[in-house]
Amino acid sequence: MTDRILNIQHHFNPLHVYCRLVERGVSKRLSMSICRYYELLIYSWLGWLSVAGVQICRIARQANQRSCSIRRIHRNSGCFKLF
């Protein structure tokens, strides 16, 4: 999940958008103007959302790893009851 969020973040990066606009034939000056406004108005919000998403994924992964290790310890103690 983290990889997907980072991939989305990369593709919505203003520099990436600028390069794709220039690649498709939009003038550099117009592309720069579009990307400046895009970065100020849209990407700043997307950036915060993607950072929050990555943090949530990391926290969830750590919680899952702790849960699995607790289950292993609990099983090894002779009690198979999962909590």
C-alpha atoms as a PDB file:
ATOM      1  CA  MET A   1       0.000   0.000   0.000  1.00  0.00           C
ATOM      2  CA  THR A   2       2.843   2.371   0.809  1.00  0.00           C
ATOM      3  CA  ASP A   3       4.318   1.781  -2.645  1.00  0.00           C
ATOM      4  CA  ARG A   4       1.032   2.751  -4.269  1.00  0.00           C
ATOM      5  CA  ILE A   5       0.821   5.955  -2.266  1.00  0.00           C
ATOM      6  CA  LEU A   6       4.408   6.873  -3.141  1.00  0.00           C
ATOM      7  CA  ASN A   7       3.740   6.094  -6.809  1.00  0.00           C
ATOM      8  CA  ILE A   8       0.702   8.390  -6.785  1.00  0.00           C
ATOM      9  CA  GLN A   9       2.732  11.062  -5.002  1.00  0.00           C
ATOM     10  CA  HIS A  10       5.429  10.806  -7.688  1.00  0.00           C
ATOM     11  CA  HIS A  11       3.003  11.102 -10.583  1.00  0.00           C
ATOM     12  CA  PHE A  12       1.241  14.110  -9.064  1.00  0.00           C
ATOM     13  CA  ASN A  13       4.528  15.852  -8.250  1.00  0.00           C
ATOM     14  CA  PRO A  14       4.584  19.300  -9.945  1.00  0.00           C
ATOM     15  CA  LEU A  15       7.947  18.621 -11.588  1.00  0.00           C
ATOM     16  CA  HIS A  16       6.613  15.376 -13.039  1.00  0.00           C
ATOM     17  CA  VAL A  17       3.495  17.203 -14.291  1.00  0.00           C
ATOM     18  CA  TYR A  18       5.693  19.933 -15.800  1.00  0.00           C
ATOM     19  CA  CYS A  19       7.800  17.369 -17.661  1.00  0.00           C
ATOM     20  CA  ARG A  20       4.718  15.603 -19.017  1.00  0.00           C
ATOM     21  CA  LEU A  21       3.215  18.909 -20.211  1.00  0.00           C
ATOM     22  CA  VAL A  22       6.432  19.903 -22.010  1.00  0.00           C
ATOM     23  CA  GLU A  23       6.712  16.387 -23.422  1.00  0.00           C
ATOM     24  CA  ARG A  24       3.231  16.747 -24.897  1.00  0.00           C
ATOM     25  CA  GLY A  25       4.071  20.038 -26.614  1.00  0.00           C
ATOM     26  CA  VAL A  26       2.932  22.700 -24.138  1.00  0.00           C
ATOM     27  CA  SER A  27       5.391  25.600 -24.009  1.00  0.00           C
ATOM     28  CA  LYS A  28       7.835  25.664 -21.113  1.00  0.00           C
ATOM     29  CA  ARG A  29       6.604  29.056 -19.947  1.00  0.00           C
ATOM     30  CA  LEU A  30       2.947  28.005 -19.868  1.00  0.00           C
ATOM     31  CA  SER A  31       3.847  24.669 -18.258  1.00  0.00           C
ATOM     32  CA  MET A  32       5.777  26.500 -15.543  1.00  0.00           C
ATOM     33  CA  SER A  33       2.827  28.796 -14.830  1.00  0.00           C
ATOM     34  CA  ILE A  34       0.378  25.910 -14.710  1.00  0.00           C
ATOM     35  CA  CYS A  35       2.615  23.929 -12.368  1.00  0.00           C
ATOM     36  CA  ARG A  36       3.205  26.872 -10.029  1.00  0.00           C
ATOM     37  CA  TYR A  37      -0.524  27.290  -9.480  1.00  0.00           C
ATOM     38  CA  TYR A  38      -1.038  23.558  -9.381  1.00  0.00           C
ATOM     39  CA  GLU A  39       1.599  23.228  -6.649  1.00  0.00           C
ATOM     40  CA  LEU A  40       0.130  26.059  -4.583  1.00  0.00           C
ATOM     41  CA  LEU A  41      -3.530  25.153  -4.936  1.00  0.00           C
ATOM     42  CA  ILE A  42      -3.636  21.373  -5.295  1.00  0.00           C
ATOM     43  CA  TYR A  43      -0.355  19.562  -4.633  1.00  0.00           C
ATOM     44  CA  SER A  44       0.204  21.090  -1.218  1.00  0.00           C
ATOM     45  CA  TRP A  45      -2.982  19.320  -0.070  1.00  0.00           C
ATOM     46  CA  LEU A  46      -2.170  16.102  -1.907  1.00  0.00           C
ATOM     47  CA  GLY A  47       1.286  16.098  -0.363  1.00  0.00           C
ATOM     48  CA  TRP A  48      -0.135  16.225   3.158  1.00  0.00           C
ATOM     49  CA  LEU A  49      -2.632  13.480   2.356  1.00  0.00           C
ATOM     50  CA  SER A  50       0.029  11.211   0.912  1.00  0.00           C
ATOM     51  CA  VAL A  51       2.335  11.738   3.904  1.00  0.00           C
ATOM     52  CA  ALA A  52      -0.555  10.935   6.243  1.00  0.00           C
ATOM     53  CA  GLY A  53      -1.386   7.833   4.199  1.00  0.00           C
ATOM     54  CA  VAL A  54       2.194   6.556   4.362  1.00  0.00           C
ATOM     55  CA  GLN A  55       2.294   7.121   8.121  1.00  0.00           C
ATOM     56  CA  ILE A  56      -0.988   5.238   8.591  1.00  0.00           C
ATOM     57  CA  CYS A  57       0.361   2.323   6.532  1.00  0.00           C
ATOM     58  CA  ARG A  58       3.542   2.198   8.599  1.00  0.00           C
ATOM     59  CA  ILE A  59       1.619   2.267  11.884  1.00  0.00           C
ATOM     60  CA  ALA A  60      -0.727  -0.472  10.666  1.00  0.00           C
ATOM     61  CA  ARG A  61       2.207  -2.618   9.531  1.00  0.00           C
ATOM     62  CA  GLN A  62       3.964  -2.199  12.900  1.00  0.00           C
ATOM     63  CA  ALA A  63       0.770  -3.084  14.773  1.00  0.00           C
ATOM     64  CA  ASN A  64       0.332  -6.180  12.607  1.00  0.00           C
ATOM     65  CA  GLN A  65       3.928  -7.271  13.230  1.00  0.00           C
ATOM     66  CA  ARG A  66       3.501  -6.844  16.993  1.00  0.00           C
ATOM     67  CA  SER A  67       0.253  -8.780  16.895  1.00  0.00           C
ATOM     68  CA  CYS A  68       1.888 -11.657  15.016  1.00  0.00           C
ATOM     69  CA  SER A  69       4.819 -11.812  17.433  1.00  0.00           C
ATOM     70  CA  ILE A  70       2.440 -11.815  20.423  1.00  0.00           C
ATOM     71  CA  ARG A  71       0.512 -14.707  18.860  1.00  0.00           C
ATOM     72  CA  ARG A  72       3.749 -16.649  18.301  1.00  0.00           C
ATOM     73  CA  ILE A  73       4.839 -16.128  21.902  1.00  0.00           C
ATOM     74  CA  HIS A  74       1.396 -17.096  23.146  1.00  0.00           C
ATOM     75  CA  ARG A  75       1.366 -20.288  21.026  1.00  0.00           C
ATOM     76  CA  ASN A  76       4.845 -21.260  22.178  1.00  0.00           C
ATOM     77  CA  SER A  77       3.779 -21.000  25.802  1.00  0.00           C
ATOM     78  CA  GLY A  78       1.388 -23.932  25.296  1.00  0.00           C
ATOM     79  CA  CYS A  79      -1.825 -21.931  25.091  1.00  0.00           C
ATOM     80  CA  PHE A  80      -3.403 -21.708  21.635  1.00  0.00           C
ATOM     81  CA  LYS A  81      -6.065 -19.156  22.548  1.00  0.00           C
ATOM     82  CA  LEU A  82      -5.819 -16.100  20.306  1.00  0.00           C
ATOM     83  CA  PHE A  83      -6.859 -12.791  21.759  1.00  0.00           C
END
